[in-house]
Amino acid sequence: MRRLPPLNALRIFEVAARTGSYAEAGVELGLTHGAVSRQIAALENWLGQRLFTRDGRRMVATPMAKIFAAEVGLSFDRLAVAAEACGRPAARRILRVSAPTSLAMRWLIPRLDRYHAEHPQVEVVVTTVSCVMEDLRGGVDVSIRRGVAREDLWPQHRVVPVLEDVDTLIMSPALFARRPVLKPADIEGHTLLASETRAGDWANWLDAAGLQHLAGLPRQTFDHFFVARQAVEDGLGLGIGPLPMLEIDVANGRLMTPLPDIRVRRTGYVAITPRHADAGNLLAGFVDWLVEEARGSVGGVQREH
């Protein structure tokens, strides 16, 4: 007989650790704050150690609890896939994908209609994270993160390179009509737009353009790239943007790349899936589809066969 902790308490613990809040866990599970607290207390008693500590008015998972929650999440993922394969093989599948906000908005979501047309039995649900290096979370089938295809960085997961990241200068066609940028030196006098989530973009591009002496120019900085991108589209200044994500905007005339030959390569994106939770090869098939879509992009990764 396996000596297992209470499974309902495990389920509630995983959600509380993933959301970082008893209250949010209660909302997701349809439970009161008190019910969540009691179940976690029961699990702590079973384990003989604390899983959460108080930080002000919040309960925060301990470092060991975060590791435990990740393992629990993987186990529940495997259980869910096994149940789908065994009990409801013909049922409509939900595929949960986590991706950085800008990549999801500008690259992934606009392409999903093609995936759904080929796989009508699968519903793809996309959740976004604000940080491209954010930790993996339970309850997600495929996570897209910036990184390299090194499995030691994500133990117990399969890691596949999907999309490279190639930065270049971007501006709105309207601003180009008023003040064209035909050579690197033409950026002088323009407002430079930057974002905290893509720090270093301007310094790297100026270096590639041979304009290191302009590195001290003032910049207007936003908290996230998609805000900076919107400011560029509105004609408020020049920005540095990733071509794979912005191909759709360039194609429909919202943005343009005035100096496309000056590019800076950055670490690209990888797709990360649990190694042992893929009944019917659904996850591997979706990752293969991502790679095929990326092949037609500026930053597409060519896979070896």
C-alpha atoms as a PDB file:
ATOM      1  CA  MET A   1       0.000   0.000   0.000  1.00  0.00           C
ATOM      2  CA  ARG A   2       1.282   3.460  -0.920  1.00  0.00           C
ATOM      3  CA  ARG A   3       1.396   5.910   1.956  1.00  0.00           C
ATOM      4  CA  LEU A   4      -0.097   8.929   0.235  1.00  0.00           C
ATOM      5  CA  PRO A   5      -0.996  12.312   1.717  1.00  0.00           C
ATOM      6  CA  PRO A   6      -4.668  13.377   1.523  1.00  0.00           C
ATOM      7  CA  LEU A   7      -5.309  13.923  -2.200  1.00  0.00           C
ATOM      8  CA  ASN A   8      -7.912  16.675  -1.796  1.00  0.00           C
ATOM      9  CA  ALA A   9      -5.529  18.615   0.428  1.00  0.00           C
ATOM     10  CA  LEU A  10      -2.789  18.107  -2.186  1.00  0.00           C
ATOM     11  CA  ARG A  11      -5.035  19.495  -4.895  1.00  0.00           C
ATOM     12  CA  ILE A  12      -5.839  22.594  -2.838  1.00  0.00           C
ATOM     13  CA  PHE A  13      -2.190  23.039  -1.814  1.00  0.00           C
ATOM     14  CA  GLU A  14      -1.003  22.957  -5.463  1.00  0.00           C
ATOM     15  CA  VAL A  15      -3.459  25.678  -6.464  1.00  0.00           C
ATOM     16  CA  ALA A  16      -2.589  27.847  -3.430  1.00  0.00           C
ATOM     17  CA  ALA A  17       1.145  27.551  -4.141  1.00  0.00           C
ATOM     18  CA  ARG A  18       0.641  28.241  -7.858  1.00  0.00           C
ATOM     19  CA  THR A  19      -1.574  31.294  -7.358  1.00  0.00           C
ATOM     20  CA  GLY A  20       0.335  32.540  -4.308  1.00  0.00           C
ATOM     21  CA  SER A  21      -2.887  33.229  -2.447  1.00  0.00           C
ATOM     22  CA  TYR A  22      -5.362  31.327  -0.292  1.00  0.00           C
ATOM     23  CA  ALA A  23      -8.099  33.664  -1.518  1.00  0.00           C
ATOM     24  CA  GLU A  24      -7.309  33.113  -5.211  1.00  0.00           C
ATOM     25  CA  ALA A  25      -7.116  29.373  -4.618  1.00  0.00           C
ATOM     26  CA  GLY A  26     -10.546  29.520  -3.046  1.00  0.00           C
ATOM     27  CA  VAL A  27     -11.971  31.390  -6.039  1.00  0.00           C
ATOM     28  CA  GLU A  28     -10.459  28.896  -8.499  1.00  0.00           C
ATOM     29  CA  LEU A  29     -11.700  25.891  -6.515  1.00  0.00           C
ATOM     30  CA  GLY A  30     -15.016  27.299  -5.330  1.00  0.00           C
ATOM     31  CA  LEU A  31     -14.017  27.119  -1.650  1.00  0.00           C
ATOM     32  CA  THR A  32     -13.953  29.570   1.220  1.00  0.00           C
ATOM     33  CA  HIS A  33     -10.687  30.971   2.540  1.00  0.00           C
ATOM     34  CA  GLY A  34     -11.247  28.985   5.721  1.00  0.00           C
ATOM     35  CA  ALA A  35     -11.708  25.715   3.836  1.00  0.00           C
ATOM     36  CA  VAL A  36      -8.449  26.268   1.960  1.00  0.00           C
ATOM     37  CA  SER A  37      -6.653  27.068   5.215  1.00  0.00           C
ATOM     38  CA  ARG A  38      -7.990  23.935   6.945  1.00  0.00           C
ATOM     39  CA  GLN A  39      -6.961  21.614   4.110  1.00  0.00           C
ATOM     40  CA  ILE A  40      -3.445  23.060   3.986  1.00  0.00           C
ATOM     41  CA  ALA A  41      -3.185  22.743   7.769  1.00  0.00           C
ATOM     42  CA  ALA A  42      -4.197  19.084   7.443  1.00  0.00           C
ATOM     43  CA  LEU A  43      -1.485  18.530   4.827  1.00  0.00           C
ATOM     44  CA  GLU A  44       1.079  20.282   7.022  1.00  0.00           C
ATOM     45  CA  ASN A  45       0.129  18.001   9.915  1.00  0.00           C
ATOM     46  CA  TRP A  46       0.515  14.943   7.689  1.00  0.00           C
ATOM     47  CA  LEU A  47       3.931  16.092   6.447  1.00  0.00           C
ATOM     48  CA  GLY A  48       5.082  17.338   9.832  1.00  0.00           C
ATOM     49  CA  GLN A  49       6.314  20.700   8.543  1.00  0.00           C
ATOM     50  CA  ARG A  50       5.048  24.116   7.522  1.00  0.00           C
ATOM     51  CA  LEU A  51       4.271  24.741   3.860  1.00  0.00           C
ATOM     52  CA  PHE A  52       3.359  28.417   4.114  1.00  0.00           C
ATOM     53  CA  THR A  53       4.634  31.302   6.232  1.00  0.00           C
ATOM     54  CA  ARG A  54       2.891  34.593   6.911  1.00  0.00           C
ATOM     55  CA  ASP A  55       4.130  37.698   5.104  1.00  0.00           C
ATOM     56  CA  GLY A  56       1.970  40.585   6.258  1.00  0.00           C
ATOM     57  CA  ARG A  57      -1.587  39.549   5.448  1.00  0.00           C
ATOM     58  CA  ARG A  58      -0.520  36.912   2.907  1.00  0.00           C
ATOM     59  CA  MET A  59       0.535  33.295   3.302  1.00  0.00           C
ATOM     60  CA  VAL A  60       3.645  32.582   1.204  1.00  0.00           C
ATOM     61  CA  ALA A  61       4.857  29.121   0.184  1.00  0.00           C
ATOM     62  CA  THR A  62       8.234  28.112   1.594  1.00  0.00           C
ATOM     63  CA  PRO A  63      11.041  27.287  -0.871  1.00  0.00           C
ATOM     64  CA  MET A  64      10.591  23.565  -0.186  1.00  0.00           C
ATOM     65  CA  ALA A  65       6.815  23.890  -0.635  1.00  0.00           C
ATOM     66  CA  LYS A  66       7.329  25.492  -4.057  1.00  0.00           C
ATOM     67  CA  ILE A  67       9.432  22.528  -5.169  1.00  0.00           C
ATOM     68  CA  PHE A  68       6.863  20.121  -3.752  1.00  0.00           C
ATOM     69  CA  ALA A  69       4.018  21.985  -5.487  1.00  0.00           C
ATOM     70  CA  ALA A  70       5.791  21.727  -8.850  1.00  0.00           C
ATOM     71  CA  GLU A  71       6.095  17.957  -8.416  1.00  0.00           C
ATOM     72  CA  VAL A  72       2.460  17.693  -7.342  1.00  0.00           C
ATOM     73  CA  GLY A  73       1.404  19.715 -10.401  1.00  0.00           C
ATOM     74  CA  LEU A  74       3.315  17.381 -12.705  1.00  0.00           C
ATOM     75  CA  SER A  75       1.716  14.365 -11.035  1.00  0.00           C
ATOM     76  CA  PHE A  76      -1.771  15.812 -11.483  1.00  0.00           C
ATOM     77  CA  ASP A  77      -0.935  16.584 -15.133  1.00  0.00           C
ATOM     78  CA  ARG A  78       0.024  12.944 -15.693  1.00  0.00           C
ATOM     79  CA  LEU A  79      -3.109  11.736 -13.887  1.00  0.00           C
ATOM     80  CA  ALA A  80      -5.347  13.999 -15.992  1.00  0.00           C
ATOM     81  CA  VAL A  81      -3.766  12.823 -19.250  1.00  0.00           C
ATOM     82  CA  ALA A  82      -4.058   9.179 -18.206  1.00  0.00           C
ATOM     83  CA  ALA A  83      -7.718   9.659 -17.281  1.00  0.00           C
ATOM     84  CA  GLU A  84      -8.433  11.311 -20.643  1.00  0.00           C
ATOM     85  CA  ALA A  85      -6.736   8.483 -22.536  1.00  0.00           C
ATOM     86  CA  CYS A  86      -8.388   5.716 -20.532  1.00  0.00           C
ATOM     87  CA  GLY A  87     -11.848   7.027 -19.847  1.00  0.00           C
ATOM     88  CA  ARG A  88     -12.737   9.460 -22.619  1.00  0.00           C
ATOM     89  CA  PRO A  89     -10.517   8.868 -25.649  1.00  0.00           C
ATOM     90  CA  ALA A  90     -12.881  10.657 -28.042  1.00  0.00           C
ATOM     91  CA  ALA A  91     -13.644  13.603 -25.747  1.00  0.00           C
ATOM     92  CA  ARG A  92     -12.711  17.149 -26.701  1.00  0.00           C
ATOM     93  CA  ARG A  93      -9.277  17.933 -25.252  1.00  0.00           C
ATOM     94  CA  ILE A  94      -8.273  21.202 -23.624  1.00  0.00           C
ATOM     95  CA  LEU A  95      -4.642  22.148 -24.235  1.00  0.00           C
ATOM     96  CA  ARG A  96      -3.343  24.760 -21.790  1.00  0.00           C
ATOM     97  CA  VAL A  97      -0.482  26.890 -23.087  1.00  0.00           C
ATOM     98  CA  SER A  98       1.471  29.455 -21.067  1.00  0.00           C
ATOM     99  CA  ALA A  99       3.452  32.109 -22.952  1.00  0.00           C
ATOM    100  CA  PRO A 100       4.971  35.560 -22.408  1.00  0.00           C
ATOM    101  CA  THR A 101       2.359  38.265 -22.986  1.00  0.00           C
ATOM    102  CA  SER A 102       3.868  39.884 -26.086  1.00  0.00           C
ATOM    103  CA  LEU A 103       4.618  36.559 -27.776  1.00  0.00           C
ATOM    104  CA  ALA A 104       1.087  35.344 -27.067  1.00  0.00           C
ATOM    105  CA  MET A 105      -0.554  38.535 -28.362  1.00  0.00           C
ATOM    106  CA  ARG A 106       1.584  39.217 -31.426  1.00  0.00           C
ATOM    107  CA  TRP A 107       2.636  35.739 -32.595  1.00  0.00           C
ATOM    108  CA  LEU A 108       0.813  32.765 -31.049  1.00  0.00           C
ATOM    109  CA  ILE A 109      -2.848  33.816 -30.776  1.00  0.00           C
ATOM    110  CA  PRO A 110      -3.136  35.184 -34.358  1.00  0.00           C
ATOM    111  CA  ARG A 111      -2.041  31.738 -35.635  1.00  0.00           C
ATOM    112  CA  LEU A 112      -4.309  29.550 -33.508  1.00  0.00           C
ATOM    113  CA  ASP A 113      -7.178  29.558 -36.013  1.00  0.00           C
ATOM    114  CA  ARG A 114      -4.989  27.450 -38.296  1.00  0.00           C
ATOM    115  CA  TYR A 115      -4.311  24.959 -35.509  1.00  0.00           C
ATOM    116  CA  HIS A 116      -7.984  24.713 -34.558  1.00  0.00           C
ATOM    117  CA  ALA A 117      -8.922  24.152 -38.209  1.00  0.00           C
ATOM    118  CA  GLU A 118      -6.575  21.149 -38.331  1.00  0.00           C
ATOM    119  CA  HIS A 119      -7.473  19.883 -34.839  1.00  0.00           C
ATOM    120  CA  PRO A 120     -11.175  20.640 -34.197  1.00  0.00           C
ATOM    121  CA  GLN A 121     -11.219  18.219 -31.238  1.00  0.00           C
ATOM    122  CA  VAL A 122      -8.680  20.337 -29.324  1.00  0.00           C
ATOM    123  CA  GLU A 123      -9.355  23.659 -27.586  1.00  0.00           C
ATOM    124  CA  VAL A 124      -6.216  25.704 -26.898  1.00  0.00           C
ATOM    125  CA  VAL A 125      -6.441  27.902 -23.793  1.00  0.00           C
ATOM    126  CA  VAL A 126      -3.677  30.515 -23.543  1.00  0.00           C
ATOM    127  CA  THR A 127      -2.521  32.081 -20.292  1.00  0.00           C
ATOM    128  CA  THR A 128       0.150  34.782 -20.227  1.00  0.00           C
ATOM    129  CA  VAL A 129       3.075  35.575 -17.967  1.00  0.00           C
ATOM    130  CA  SER A 130       4.704  38.993 -17.724  1.00  0.00           C
ATOM    131  CA  CYS A 131       8.253  37.641 -17.386  1.00  0.00           C
ATOM    132  CA  VAL A 132       9.833  35.560 -20.167  1.00  0.00           C
ATOM    133  CA  MET A 133      11.884  33.626 -17.588  1.00  0.00           C
ATOM    134  CA  GLU A 134       9.010  33.018 -15.160  1.00  0.00           C
ATOM    135  CA  ASP A 135       8.979  29.663 -13.372  1.00  0.00           C
ATOM    136  CA  LEU A 136       6.903  26.835 -14.765  1.00  0.00           C
ATOM    137  CA  ARG A 137       3.536  26.292 -13.103  1.00  0.00           C
ATOM    138  CA  GLY A 138       1.342  23.292 -12.579  1.00  0.00           C
ATOM    139  CA  GLY A 139      -1.852  22.929 -14.591  1.00  0.00           C
ATOM    140  CA  VAL A 140      -0.153  23.937 -17.883  1.00  0.00           C
ATOM    141  CA  ASP A 141       0.508  21.516 -20.748  1.00  0.00           C
ATOM    142  CA  VAL A 142       2.963  23.586 -22.802  1.00  0.00           C
ATOM    143  CA  SER A 143       5.057  26.484 -21.494  1.00  0.00           C
ATOM    144  CA  ILE A 144       6.826  28.817 -23.916  1.00  0.00           C
ATOM    145  CA  ARG A 145       9.769  30.605 -22.354  1.00  0.00           C
ATOM    146  CA  ARG A 146      12.893  32.409 -23.451  1.00  0.00           C
ATOM    147  CA  GLY A 147      15.838  30.054 -23.156  1.00  0.00           C
ATOM    148  CA  VAL A 148      18.030  27.419 -24.762  1.00  0.00           C
ATOM    149  CA  ALA A 149      17.246  23.760 -25.329  1.00  0.00           C
ATOM    150  CA  ARG A 150      19.049  22.459 -22.273  1.00  0.00           C
ATOM    151  CA  GLU A 151      16.979  19.932 -20.382  1.00  0.00           C
ATOM    152  CA  ASP A 152      19.074  20.344 -17.239  1.00  0.00           C
ATOM    153  CA  LEU A 153      17.498  23.790 -16.904  1.00  0.00           C
ATOM    154  CA  TRP A 154      14.024  22.210 -16.740  1.00  0.00           C
ATOM    155  CA  PRO A 155      14.382  18.750 -15.168  1.00  0.00           C
ATOM    156  CA  GLN A 156      11.670  16.214 -16.006  1.00  0.00           C
ATOM    157  CA  HIS A 157      10.635  18.208 -19.082  1.00  0.00           C
ATOM    158  CA  ARG A 158      11.114  17.969 -22.836  1.00  0.00           C
ATOM    159  CA  VAL A 159      12.589  21.185 -24.255  1.00  0.00           C
ATOM    160  CA  VAL A 160      12.322  22.080 -27.958  1.00  0.00           C
ATOM    161  CA  PRO A 161      13.629  25.284 -29.605  1.00  0.00           C
ATOM    162  CA  VAL A 162      10.804  27.075 -31.391  1.00  0.00           C
ATOM    163  CA  LEU A 163      11.544  30.675 -32.314  1.00  0.00           C
ATOM    164  CA  GLU A 164      14.624  32.873 -32.442  1.00  0.00           C
ATOM    165  CA  ASP A 165      14.455  36.515 -31.402  1.00  0.00           C
ATOM    166  CA  VAL A 166      15.835  39.051 -33.904  1.00  0.00           C
ATOM    167  CA  ASP A 167      15.665  42.728 -32.906  1.00  0.00           C
ATOM    168  CA  THR A 168      15.591  45.610 -35.373  1.00  0.00           C
ATOM    169  CA  LEU A 169      14.475  49.235 -35.540  1.00  0.00           C
ATOM    170  CA  ILE A 170      10.696  49.796 -35.764  1.00  0.00           C
ATOM    171  CA  MET A 171       8.589  52.892 -36.384  1.00  0.00           C
ATOM    172  CA  SER A 172       5.184  53.841 -37.689  1.00  0.00           C
ATOM    173  CA  PRO A 173       4.727  54.560 -41.424  1.00  0.00           C
ATOM    174  CA  ALA A 174       3.194  57.933 -40.502  1.00  0.00           C
ATOM    175  CA  LEU A 175       6.284  58.983 -38.533  1.00  0.00           C
ATOM    176  CA  PHE A 176       8.509  57.759 -41.368  1.00  0.00           C
ATOM    177  CA  ALA A 177       6.570  59.953 -43.788  1.00  0.00           C
ATOM    178  CA  ARG A 178       7.162  62.988 -41.575  1.00  0.00           C
ATOM    179  CA  ARG A 179      10.761  62.277 -40.568  1.00  0.00           C
ATOM    180  CA  PRO A 180      12.217  59.369 -42.567  1.00  0.00           C
ATOM    181  CA  VAL A 181      15.014  57.193 -41.233  1.00  0.00           C
ATOM    182  CA  LEU A 182      17.097  56.182 -44.237  1.00  0.00           C
ATOM    183  CA  LYS A 183      20.432  55.664 -42.488  1.00  0.00           C
ATOM    184  CA  PRO A 184      21.427  55.013 -38.848  1.00  0.00           C
ATOM    185  CA  ALA A 185      22.388  58.632 -38.130  1.00  0.00           C
ATOM    186  CA  ASP A 186      18.825  59.747 -38.977  1.00  0.00           C
ATOM    187  CA  ILE A 187      17.598  58.533 -35.574  1.00  0.00           C
ATOM    188  CA  GLU A 188      19.104  61.645 -33.947  1.00  0.00           C
ATOM    189  CA  GLY A 189      16.363  64.002 -32.866  1.00  0.00           C
ATOM    190  CA  HIS A 190      13.766  61.217 -32.686  1.00  0.00           C
ATOM    191  CA  THR A 191      12.257  60.097 -29.384  1.00  0.00           C
ATOM    192  CA  LEU A 192      13.585  56.677 -28.399  1.00  0.00           C
ATOM    193  CA  LEU A 193      10.987  54.359 -26.824  1.00  0.00           C
ATOM    194  CA  ALA A 194      12.068  51.481 -24.572  1.00  0.00           C
ATOM    195  CA  SER A 195      10.617  48.957 -22.116  1.00  0.00           C
ATOM    196  CA  GLU A 196      11.742  47.500 -18.799  1.00  0.00           C
ATOM    197  CA  THR A 197      10.981  43.952 -19.969  1.00  0.00           C
ATOM    198  CA  ARG A 198      13.432  44.230 -22.865  1.00  0.00           C
ATOM    199  CA  ALA A 199      16.224  46.161 -21.196  1.00  0.00           C
ATOM    200  CA  GLY A 200      19.358  46.626 -23.250  1.00  0.00           C
ATOM    201  CA  ASP A 201      17.613  46.596 -26.653  1.00  0.00           C
ATOM    202  CA  TRP A 202      18.694  50.114 -27.572  1.00  0.00           C
ATOM    203  CA  ALA A 203      22.274  49.700 -26.375  1.00  0.00           C
ATOM    204  CA  ASN A 204      22.674  46.515 -28.413  1.00  0.00           C
ATOM    205  CA  TRP A 205      21.130  48.002 -31.540  1.00  0.00           C
ATOM    206  CA  LEU A 206      23.186  51.198 -31.334  1.00  0.00           C
ATOM    207  CA  ASP A 207      26.287  49.056 -31.016  1.00  0.00           C
ATOM    208  CA  ALA A 208      25.306  47.025 -34.091  1.00  0.00           C
ATOM    209  CA  ALA A 209      24.574  50.253 -35.999  1.00  0.00           C
ATOM    210  CA  GLY A 210      27.939  51.783 -35.094  1.00  0.00           C
ATOM    211  CA  LEU A 211      26.254  54.523 -33.071  1.00  0.00           C
ATOM    212  CA  GLN A 212      27.758  53.811 -29.663  1.00  0.00           C
ATOM    213  CA  HIS A 213      28.223  57.546 -29.136  1.00  0.00           C
ATOM    214  CA  LEU A 214      24.433  57.943 -29.005  1.00  0.00           C
ATOM    215  CA  ALA A 215      23.993  55.469 -26.136  1.00  0.00           C
ATOM    216  CA  GLY A 216      23.368  58.340 -23.720  1.00  0.00           C
ATOM    217  CA  LEU A 217      20.382  59.749 -25.607  1.00  0.00           C
ATOM    218  CA  PRO A 218      17.312  60.135 -23.354  1.00  0.00           C
ATOM    219  CA  ARG A 219      14.613  57.488 -23.694  1.00  0.00           C
ATOM    220  CA  GLN A 220      10.986  57.198 -22.741  1.00  0.00           C
ATOM    221  CA  THR A 221      10.665  53.891 -20.909  1.00  0.00           C
ATOM    222  CA  PHE A 222       7.494  51.866 -20.366  1.00  0.00           C
ATOM    223  CA  ASP A 223       6.984  48.953 -17.993  1.00  0.00           C
ATOM    224  CA  HIS A 224       6.244  46.396 -20.711  1.00  0.00           C
ATOM    225  CA  PHE A 225       7.157  45.931 -24.352  1.00  0.00           C
ATOM    226  CA  PHE A 226       3.590  45.753 -25.655  1.00  0.00           C
ATOM    227  CA  VAL A 227       2.989  49.260 -24.236  1.00  0.00           C
ATOM    228  CA  ALA A 228       6.142  50.541 -25.944  1.00  0.00           C
ATOM    229  CA  ARG A 229       5.055  48.824 -29.178  1.00  0.00           C
ATOM    230  CA  GLN A 230       1.715  50.625 -29.059  1.00  0.00           C
ATOM    231  CA  ALA A 231       3.498  53.941 -28.545  1.00  0.00           C
ATOM    232  CA  VAL A 232       5.615  53.207 -31.626  1.00  0.00           C
ATOM    233  CA  GLU A 233       2.491  52.386 -33.638  1.00  0.00           C
ATOM    234  CA  ASP A 234       0.957  55.679 -32.492  1.00  0.00           C
ATOM    235  CA  GLY A 235       3.944  57.524 -33.968  1.00  0.00           C
ATOM    236  CA  LEU A 236       5.358  58.745 -30.653  1.00  0.00           C
ATOM    237  CA  GLY A 237       8.921  57.652 -31.428  1.00  0.00           C
ATOM    238  CA  LEU A 238      11.269  54.894 -32.528  1.00  0.00           C
ATOM    239  CA  GLY A 239      11.512  51.497 -30.897  1.00  0.00           C
ATOM    240  CA  ILE A 240      13.447  48.261 -31.061  1.00  0.00           C
ATOM    241  CA  GLY A 241      11.289  45.219 -31.686  1.00  0.00           C
ATOM    242  CA  PRO A 242      11.499  41.486 -32.383  1.00  0.00           C
ATOM    243  CA  LEU A 243      10.718  40.601 -35.973  1.00  0.00           C
ATOM    244  CA  PRO A 244       9.038  37.238 -35.364  1.00  0.00           C
ATOM    245  CA  MET A 245       6.467  38.847 -33.098  1.00  0.00           C
ATOM    246  CA  LEU A 246       5.900  41.901 -35.257  1.00  0.00           C
ATOM    247  CA  GLU A 247       5.655  40.343 -38.725  1.00  0.00           C
ATOM    248  CA  ILE A 248       1.862  40.661 -38.658  1.00  0.00           C
ATOM    249  CA  ASP A 249       2.081  44.351 -37.741  1.00  0.00           C
ATOM    250  CA  VAL A 250       4.595  44.989 -40.537  1.00  0.00           C
ATOM    251  CA  ALA A 251       2.487  43.061 -43.067  1.00  0.00           C
ATOM    252  CA  ASN A 252      -0.680  45.029 -42.288  1.00  0.00           C
ATOM    253  CA  GLY A 253       1.085  48.396 -42.308  1.00  0.00           C
ATOM    254  CA  ARG A 254       0.895  49.248 -38.609  1.00  0.00           C
ATOM    255  CA  LEU A 255       4.686  49.193 -38.255  1.00  0.00           C
ATOM    256  CA  MET A 256       7.696  49.259 -40.533  1.00  0.00           C
ATOM    257  CA  THR A 257      11.375  48.351 -40.242  1.00  0.00           C
ATOM    258  CA  PRO A 258      13.309  51.270 -41.803  1.00  0.00           C
ATOM    259  CA  LEU A 259      16.757  49.645 -41.395  1.00  0.00           C
ATOM    260  CA  PRO A 260      16.000  45.905 -41.603  1.00  0.00           C
ATOM    261  CA  ASP A 261      19.594  44.873 -42.292  1.00  0.00           C
ATOM    262  CA  ILE A 262      20.739  46.043 -38.852  1.00  0.00           C
ATOM    263  CA  ARG A 263      19.706  43.183 -36.584  1.00  0.00           C
ATOM    264  CA  VAL A 264      20.581  41.950 -33.117  1.00  0.00           C
ATOM    265  CA  ARG A 265      20.051  38.296 -32.278  1.00  0.00           C
ATOM    266  CA  ARG A 266      18.822  37.492 -28.779  1.00  0.00           C
ATOM    267  CA  THR A 267      18.106  34.262 -26.947  1.00  0.00           C
ATOM    268  CA  GLY A 268      15.038  32.735 -28.558  1.00  0.00           C
ATOM    269  CA  TYR A 269      12.059  30.814 -27.243  1.00  0.00           C
ATOM    270  CA  VAL A 270      11.626  27.160 -26.360  1.00  0.00           C
ATOM    271  CA  ALA A 271       8.547  25.001 -25.791  1.00  0.00           C
ATOM    272  CA  ILE A 272       8.618  23.031 -22.530  1.00  0.00           C
ATOM    273  CA  THR A 273       6.384  20.027 -21.875  1.00  0.00           C
ATOM    274  CA  PRO A 274       6.237  17.432 -19.074  1.00  0.00           C
ATOM    275  CA  ARG A 275       8.267  14.455 -20.243  1.00  0.00           C
ATOM    276  CA  HIS A 276       5.856  11.717 -19.152  1.00  0.00           C
ATOM    277  CA  ALA A 277       2.418  13.267 -19.605  1.00  0.00           C
ATOM    278  CA  ASP A 278       1.458  13.108 -23.269  1.00  0.00           C
ATOM    279  CA  ALA A 279      -1.193  10.530 -24.075  1.00  0.00           C
ATOM    280  CA  GLY A 280      -1.808  10.402 -27.794  1.00  0.00           C
ATOM    281  CA  ASN A 281       1.176  12.677 -28.491  1.00  0.00           C
ATOM    282  CA  LEU A 282      -1.083  15.739 -28.217  1.00  0.00           C
ATOM    283  CA  LEU A 283       1.614  17.943 -26.663  1.00  0.00           C
ATOM    284  CA  ALA A 284       4.383  16.779 -28.992  1.00  0.00           C
ATOM    285  CA  GLY A 285       2.065  17.377 -31.951  1.00  0.00           C
ATOM    286  CA  PHE A 286       1.308  20.916 -30.807  1.00  0.00           C
ATOM    287  CA  VAL A 287       5.008  21.659 -30.325  1.00  0.00           C
ATOM    288  CA  ASP A 288       5.704  20.317 -33.826  1.00  0.00           C
ATOM    289  CA  TRP A 289       2.988  22.648 -35.119  1.00  0.00           C
ATOM    290  CA  LEU A 290       4.644  25.598 -33.337  1.00  0.00           C
ATOM    291  CA  VAL A 291       7.952  24.764 -35.005  1.00  0.00           C
ATOM    292  CA  GLU A 292       6.309  24.522 -38.437  1.00  0.00           C
ATOM    293  CA  GLU A 293       4.643  27.902 -37.929  1.00  0.00           C
ATOM    294  CA  ALA A 294       7.958  29.396 -36.833  1.00  0.00           C
ATOM    295  CA  ARG A 295       9.714  28.140 -39.963  1.00  0.00           C
ATOM    296  CA  GLY A 296       7.788  30.699 -41.967  1.00  0.00           C
ATOM    297  CA  SER A 297       8.835  33.495 -39.612  1.00  0.00           C
ATOM    298  CA  VAL A 298      11.961  35.641 -39.734  1.00  0.00           C
ATOM    299  CA  GLY A 299      13.158  33.945 -36.565  1.00  0.00           C
ATOM    300  CA  GLY A 300      12.076  30.418 -37.344  1.00  0.00           C
ATOM    301  CA  VAL A 301      14.234  27.608 -35.957  1.00  0.00           C
ATOM    302  CA  GLN A 302      15.273  24.954 -38.449  1.00  0.00           C
ATOM    303  CA  ARG A 303      15.035  21.581 -36.705  1.00  0.00           C
ATOM    304  CA  GLU A 304      17.315  18.689 -37.476  1.00  0.00           C
ATOM    305  CA  HIS A 305      15.662  15.376 -38.361  1.00  0.00           C
END
